[in-house]
Amino acid sequence: MTLSGEFLAFMGLALVAIIGGVLLLNLNKVIHMVVALIFTFVAIAGIYVLLSAEFVAAVQILIYSGAITIIMLFGIMLTRHNDESEPKKERLRKFLLFLGVVGFAFAVYIGIYNFDIEQVPTKLHENNTFQIGQALYSKYIIPFELTSVLLLVALVGSIVLAKNDKKKEADEE
């Protein structure tokens, strides 16, 4: 196996994505979890760039790293939550969990490494962003617009629910 720049970039991005996911599960503060999630989303966007899917990478950064993360932060700020931390987990349990994750990763690596796939030369998509835009605004315009209306209704509904909770809190006091 030769070490190419593409391989090293993939391994670096994959490592950042995995570390972000692990940090997301192990951090205690919610804001820190969201930052770890952003690292994971950006690393996945980088992998999309390596796969010549620039449009999907741009959407990944705009939608997930931007909009979804902001919505999560608003949801965290608008809801009540107790800041009581969970009891400390046993060290043995964490160690066994780590061994399980490493074992699973090794099994997946061996499975992928030994998987024999015939390599065929392919031509990368040219003007893939133009083709996606043309299909989206001609063939799939109705589902696209329905999705935007659905997201708008969800946003308005969350604002109404947040206002009702504040009114109930004010009435209880």
C-alpha atoms as a PDB file:
ATOM      1  CA  MET A   1       0.000   0.000   0.000  1.00  0.00           C
ATOM      2  CA  THR A   2       1.384   3.399  -0.944  1.00  0.00           C
ATOM      3  CA  LEU A   3       0.901   6.450   1.205  1.00  0.00           C
ATOM      4  CA  SER A   4      -0.724   9.073  -0.960  1.00  0.00           C
ATOM      5  CA  GLY A   5      -1.861  12.515   0.060  1.00  0.00           C
ATOM      6  CA  GLU A   6      -5.482  11.480  -0.448  1.00  0.00           C
ATOM      7  CA  PHE A   7      -5.030   8.499   1.888  1.00  0.00           C
ATOM      8  CA  LEU A   8      -3.382  10.630   4.570  1.00  0.00           C
ATOM      9  CA  ALA A   9      -6.117  13.281   4.260  1.00  0.00           C
ATOM     10  CA  PHE A  10      -8.804  10.612   4.585  1.00  0.00           C
ATOM     11  CA  MET A  11      -7.148   9.062   7.633  1.00  0.00           C
ATOM     12  CA  GLY A  12      -6.761  12.479   9.278  1.00  0.00           C
ATOM     13  CA  LEU A  13     -10.379  13.443   8.595  1.00  0.00           C
ATOM     14  CA  ALA A  14     -11.633  10.033   9.732  1.00  0.00           C
ATOM     15  CA  LEU A  15      -9.614  10.357  12.936  1.00  0.00           C
ATOM     16  CA  VAL A  16     -11.063  13.822  13.622  1.00  0.00           C
ATOM     17  CA  ALA A  17     -14.595  12.513  12.975  1.00  0.00           C
ATOM     18  CA  ILE A  18     -14.104   9.558  15.314  1.00  0.00           C
ATOM     19  CA  ILE A  19     -12.508  11.680  18.042  1.00  0.00           C
ATOM     20  CA  GLY A  20     -15.367  14.200  17.748  1.00  0.00           C
ATOM     21  CA  GLY A  21     -17.923  11.419  18.137  1.00  0.00           C
ATOM     22  CA  VAL A  22     -16.141   9.939  21.149  1.00  0.00           C
ATOM     23  CA  LEU A  23     -15.832  13.369  22.770  1.00  0.00           C
ATOM     24  CA  LEU A  24     -19.515  14.010  22.076  1.00  0.00           C
ATOM     25  CA  LEU A  25     -20.391  10.930  24.103  1.00  0.00           C
ATOM     26  CA  ASN A  26     -17.921  11.519  26.932  1.00  0.00           C
ATOM     27  CA  LEU A  27     -18.022  15.261  27.631  1.00  0.00           C
ATOM     28  CA  ASN A  28     -20.186  16.601  30.456  1.00  0.00           C
ATOM     29  CA  LYS A  29     -21.042  20.140  29.349  1.00  0.00           C
ATOM     30  CA  VAL A  30     -23.616  20.412  26.586  1.00  0.00           C
ATOM     31  CA  ILE A  31     -21.853  23.278  24.808  1.00  0.00           C
ATOM     32  CA  HIS A  32     -18.657  21.246  24.640  1.00  0.00           C
ATOM     33  CA  MET A  33     -20.663  18.350  23.190  1.00  0.00           C
ATOM     34  CA  VAL A  34     -22.018  20.605  20.446  1.00  0.00           C
ATOM     35  CA  VAL A  35     -18.489  21.799  19.585  1.00  0.00           C
ATOM     36  CA  ALA A  36     -17.355  18.161  19.323  1.00  0.00           C
ATOM     37  CA  LEU A  37     -20.328  17.516  17.040  1.00  0.00           C
ATOM     38  CA  ILE A  38     -19.265  20.438  14.839  1.00  0.00           C
ATOM     39  CA  PHE A  39     -15.789  18.899  14.483  1.00  0.00           C
ATOM     40  CA  THR A  40     -17.397  15.639  13.404  1.00  0.00           C
ATOM     41  CA  PHE A  41     -19.649  17.358  10.851  1.00  0.00           C
ATOM     42  CA  VAL A  42     -16.761  19.341   9.327  1.00  0.00           C
ATOM     43  CA  ALA A  43     -14.572  16.230   9.103  1.00  0.00           C
ATOM     44  CA  ILE A  44     -17.354  14.376   7.308  1.00  0.00           C
ATOM     45  CA  ALA A  45     -17.664  17.319   4.896  1.00  0.00           C
ATOM     46  CA  GLY A  46     -13.934  16.976   4.205  1.00  0.00           C
ATOM     47  CA  ILE A  47     -14.437  13.295   3.398  1.00  0.00           C
ATOM     48  CA  TYR A  48     -17.186  14.299   0.955  1.00  0.00           C
ATOM     49  CA  VAL A  49     -14.706  16.627  -0.761  1.00  0.00           C
ATOM     50  CA  LEU A  50     -12.270  13.721  -1.106  1.00  0.00           C
ATOM     51  CA  LEU A  51     -15.087  11.756  -2.786  1.00  0.00           C
ATOM     52  CA  SER A  52     -15.612  14.577  -5.337  1.00  0.00           C
ATOM     53  CA  ALA A  53     -19.014  15.459  -3.871  1.00  0.00           C
ATOM     54  CA  GLU A  54     -18.440  19.182  -3.387  1.00  0.00           C
ATOM     55  CA  PHE A  55     -22.132  20.039  -3.283  1.00  0.00           C
ATOM     56  CA  VAL A  56     -22.827  17.502  -0.553  1.00  0.00           C
ATOM     57  CA  ALA A  57     -19.821  18.836   1.392  1.00  0.00           C
ATOM     58  CA  ALA A  58     -21.123  22.411   1.135  1.00  0.00           C
ATOM     59  CA  VAL A  59     -24.591  21.305   2.235  1.00  0.00           C
ATOM     60  CA  GLN A  60     -23.029  19.355   5.119  1.00  0.00           C
ATOM     61  CA  ILE A  61     -21.268  22.479   6.356  1.00  0.00           C
ATOM     62  CA  LEU A  62     -24.188  24.850   5.789  1.00  0.00           C
ATOM     63  CA  ILE A  63     -26.987  22.650   7.079  1.00  0.00           C
ATOM     64  CA  TYR A  64     -25.424  20.453   9.733  1.00  0.00           C
ATOM     65  CA  SER A  65     -22.449  22.449  10.992  1.00  0.00           C
ATOM     66  CA  GLY A  66     -24.407  25.691  10.816  1.00  0.00           C
ATOM     67  CA  ALA A  67     -28.165  25.410  11.026  1.00  0.00           C
ATOM     68  CA  ILE A  68     -28.633  22.153  12.948  1.00  0.00           C
ATOM     69  CA  THR A  69     -25.992  23.119  15.493  1.00  0.00           C
ATOM     70  CA  ILE A  70     -27.621  26.524  16.043  1.00  0.00           C
ATOM     71  CA  ILE A  71     -31.033  24.881  16.440  1.00  0.00           C
ATOM     72  CA  MET A  72     -29.526  22.498  18.998  1.00  0.00           C
ATOM     73  CA  LEU A  73     -28.016  25.402  20.922  1.00  0.00           C
ATOM     74  CA  PHE A  74     -31.355  27.259  20.892  1.00  0.00           C
ATOM     75  CA  GLY A  75     -33.091  24.112  22.104  1.00  0.00           C
ATOM     76  CA  ILE A  76     -30.595  23.756  24.918  1.00  0.00           C
ATOM     77  CA  MET A  77     -30.981  27.393  25.928  1.00  0.00           C
ATOM     78  CA  LEU A  78     -34.792  27.356  25.752  1.00  0.00           C
ATOM     79  CA  THR A  79     -35.317  24.208  27.804  1.00  0.00           C
ATOM     80  CA  ARG A  80     -34.901  23.690  31.474  1.00  0.00           C
ATOM     81  CA  HIS A  81     -32.365  21.111  32.466  1.00  0.00           C
ATOM     82  CA  ASN A  82     -30.785  20.124  35.723  1.00  0.00           C
ATOM     83  CA  ASP A  83     -27.068  20.635  35.899  1.00  0.00           C
ATOM     84  CA  GLU A  84     -26.658  17.665  38.202  1.00  0.00           C
ATOM     85  CA  SER A  85     -23.838  15.582  36.881  1.00  0.00           C
ATOM     86  CA  GLU A  86     -24.146  11.843  36.539  1.00  0.00           C
ATOM     87  CA  PRO A  87     -22.432   9.678  39.110  1.00  0.00           C
ATOM     88  CA  LYS A  88     -18.890   8.710  38.199  1.00  0.00           C
ATOM     89  CA  LYS A  89     -18.709   5.536  36.174  1.00  0.00           C
ATOM     90  CA  GLU A  90     -16.505   2.707  37.273  1.00  0.00           C
ATOM     91  CA  ARG A  91     -13.036   2.531  35.775  1.00  0.00           C
ATOM     92  CA  LEU A  92     -13.437  -1.165  34.994  1.00  0.00           C
ATOM     93  CA  ARG A  93     -16.611  -0.476  33.029  1.00  0.00           C
ATOM     94  CA  LYS A  94     -14.879   2.272  31.012  1.00  0.00           C
ATOM     95  CA  PHE A  95     -11.902   0.021  30.330  1.00  0.00           C
ATOM     96  CA  LEU A  96     -14.133  -2.843  29.154  1.00  0.00           C
ATOM     97  CA  LEU A  97     -16.076  -0.424  26.974  1.00  0.00           C
ATOM     98  CA  PHE A  98     -12.804   0.814  25.462  1.00  0.00           C
ATOM     99  CA  LEU A  99     -11.708  -2.763  24.770  1.00  0.00           C
ATOM    100  CA  GLY A 100     -15.058  -3.463  23.112  1.00  0.00           C
ATOM    101  CA  VAL A 101     -14.743  -0.414  20.860  1.00  0.00           C
ATOM    102  CA  VAL A 102     -11.165  -1.287  19.891  1.00  0.00           C
ATOM    103  CA  GLY A 103     -12.200  -4.899  19.214  1.00  0.00           C
ATOM    104  CA  PHE A 104     -15.093  -3.779  17.030  1.00  0.00           C
ATOM    105  CA  ALA A 105     -12.865  -1.341  15.130  1.00  0.00           C
ATOM    106  CA  PHE A 106     -10.306  -4.103  14.559  1.00  0.00           C
ATOM    107  CA  ALA A 107     -13.007  -6.503  13.309  1.00  0.00           C
ATOM    108  CA  VAL A 108     -14.337  -3.861  10.903  1.00  0.00           C
ATOM    109  CA  TYR A 109     -10.800  -3.119   9.677  1.00  0.00           C
ATOM    110  CA  ILE A 110     -10.081  -6.809   9.056  1.00  0.00           C
ATOM    111  CA  GLY A 111     -13.441  -7.219   7.321  1.00  0.00           C
ATOM    112  CA  ILE A 112     -12.848  -4.272   5.015  1.00  0.00           C
ATOM    113  CA  TYR A 113      -9.185  -5.105   4.377  1.00  0.00           C
ATOM    114  CA  ASN A 114      -9.987  -8.663   3.295  1.00  0.00           C
ATOM    115  CA  PHE A 115     -13.051  -7.686   1.232  1.00  0.00           C
ATOM    116  CA  ASP A 116     -12.194  -8.318  -2.393  1.00  0.00           C
ATOM    117  CA  ILE A 117     -13.748  -5.754  -4.713  1.00  0.00           C
ATOM    118  CA  GLU A 118     -12.911  -5.606  -8.382  1.00  0.00           C
ATOM    119  CA  GLN A 119     -11.576  -2.164  -9.209  1.00  0.00           C
ATOM    120  CA  VAL A 120     -12.974  -0.618 -12.357  1.00  0.00           C
ATOM    121  CA  PRO A 121     -11.945   2.773 -13.702  1.00  0.00           C
ATOM    122  CA  THR A 122     -14.738   5.303 -13.477  1.00  0.00           C
ATOM    123  CA  LYS A 123     -15.142   8.833 -14.682  1.00  0.00           C
ATOM    124  CA  LEU A 124     -15.993  11.347 -11.987  1.00  0.00           C
ATOM    125  CA  HIS A 125     -19.139  13.386 -12.361  1.00  0.00           C
ATOM    126  CA  GLU A 126     -18.580  16.631 -14.124  1.00  0.00           C
ATOM    127  CA  ASN A 127     -20.789  19.574 -13.219  1.00  0.00           C
ATOM    128  CA  ASN A 128     -22.403  17.514 -10.470  1.00  0.00           C
ATOM    129  CA  THR A 129     -23.643  20.643  -8.683  1.00  0.00           C
ATOM    130  CA  PHE A 130     -25.370  21.802 -11.865  1.00  0.00           C
ATOM    131  CA  GLN A 131     -26.957  18.370 -12.345  1.00  0.00           C
ATOM    132  CA  ILE A 132     -28.205  18.290  -8.747  1.00  0.00           C
ATOM    133  CA  GLY A 133     -29.656  21.796  -9.040  1.00  0.00           C
ATOM    134  CA  GLN A 134     -31.349  21.005 -12.322  1.00  0.00           C
ATOM    135  CA  ALA A 135     -32.942  17.837 -10.904  1.00  0.00           C
ATOM    136  CA  LEU A 136     -33.908  19.557  -7.646  1.00  0.00           C
ATOM    137  CA  TYR A 137     -35.681  22.488  -9.289  1.00  0.00           C
ATOM    138  CA  SER A 138     -37.339  20.554 -12.103  1.00  0.00           C
ATOM    139  CA  LYS A 139     -38.077  16.958 -11.131  1.00  0.00           C
ATOM    140  CA  TYR A 140     -38.194  17.338  -7.315  1.00  0.00           C
ATOM    141  CA  ILE A 141     -39.565  20.875  -6.859  1.00  0.00           C
ATOM    142  CA  ILE A 142     -42.734  19.831  -4.984  1.00  0.00           C
ATOM    143  CA  PRO A 143     -40.952  17.686  -2.332  1.00  0.00           C
ATOM    144  CA  PHE A 144     -38.348  20.454  -1.977  1.00  0.00           C
ATOM    145  CA  GLU A 145     -40.994  23.102  -1.300  1.00  0.00           C
ATOM    146  CA  LEU A 146     -42.981  20.803   1.009  1.00  0.00           C
ATOM    147  CA  THR A 147     -39.830  20.193   3.036  1.00  0.00           C
ATOM    148  CA  SER A 148     -39.254  23.937   3.417  1.00  0.00           C
ATOM    149  CA  VAL A 149     -42.873  24.445   4.539  1.00  0.00           C
ATOM    150  CA  LEU A 150     -42.549  21.560   7.009  1.00  0.00           C
ATOM    151  CA  LEU A 151     -39.373  23.071   8.494  1.00  0.00           C
ATOM    152  CA  LEU A 152     -41.083  26.458   8.805  1.00  0.00           C
ATOM    153  CA  VAL A 153     -44.065  24.892  10.603  1.00  0.00           C
ATOM    154  CA  ALA A 154     -41.696  23.064  12.973  1.00  0.00           C
ATOM    155  CA  LEU A 155     -39.884  26.328  13.750  1.00  0.00           C
ATOM    156  CA  VAL A 156     -43.117  28.220  14.447  1.00  0.00           C
ATOM    157  CA  GLY A 157     -44.407  25.315  16.557  1.00  0.00           C
ATOM    158  CA  SER A 158     -41.250  25.258  18.685  1.00  0.00           C
ATOM    159  CA  ILE A 159     -41.559  29.007  19.310  1.00  0.00           C
ATOM    160  CA  VAL A 160     -45.221  28.598  20.346  1.00  0.00           C
ATOM    161  CA  LEU A 161     -44.329  25.723  22.684  1.00  0.00           C
ATOM    162  CA  ALA A 162     -41.495  27.735  24.232  1.00  0.00           C
ATOM    163  CA  LYS A 163     -43.832  30.704  24.828  1.00  0.00           C
ATOM    164  CA  ASN A 164     -46.487  28.442  26.418  1.00  0.00           C
ATOM    165  CA  ASP A 165     -43.895  27.010  28.810  1.00  0.00           C
ATOM    166  CA  LYS A 166     -42.831  30.514  29.852  1.00  0.00           C
ATOM    167  CA  LYS A 167     -46.479  31.491  30.471  1.00  0.00           C
ATOM    168  CA  LYS A 168     -47.019  28.377  32.613  1.00  0.00           C
ATOM    169  CA  GLU A 169     -43.883  29.153  34.642  1.00  0.00           C
ATOM    170  CA  ALA A 170     -45.043  32.726  35.203  1.00  0.00           C
ATOM    171  CA  ASP A 171     -48.511  31.535  36.281  1.00  0.00           C
ATOM    172  CA  GLU A 172     -47.041  28.996  38.732  1.00  0.00           C
ATOM    173  CA  GLU A 173     -44.896  31.626  40.443  1.00  0.00           C
END
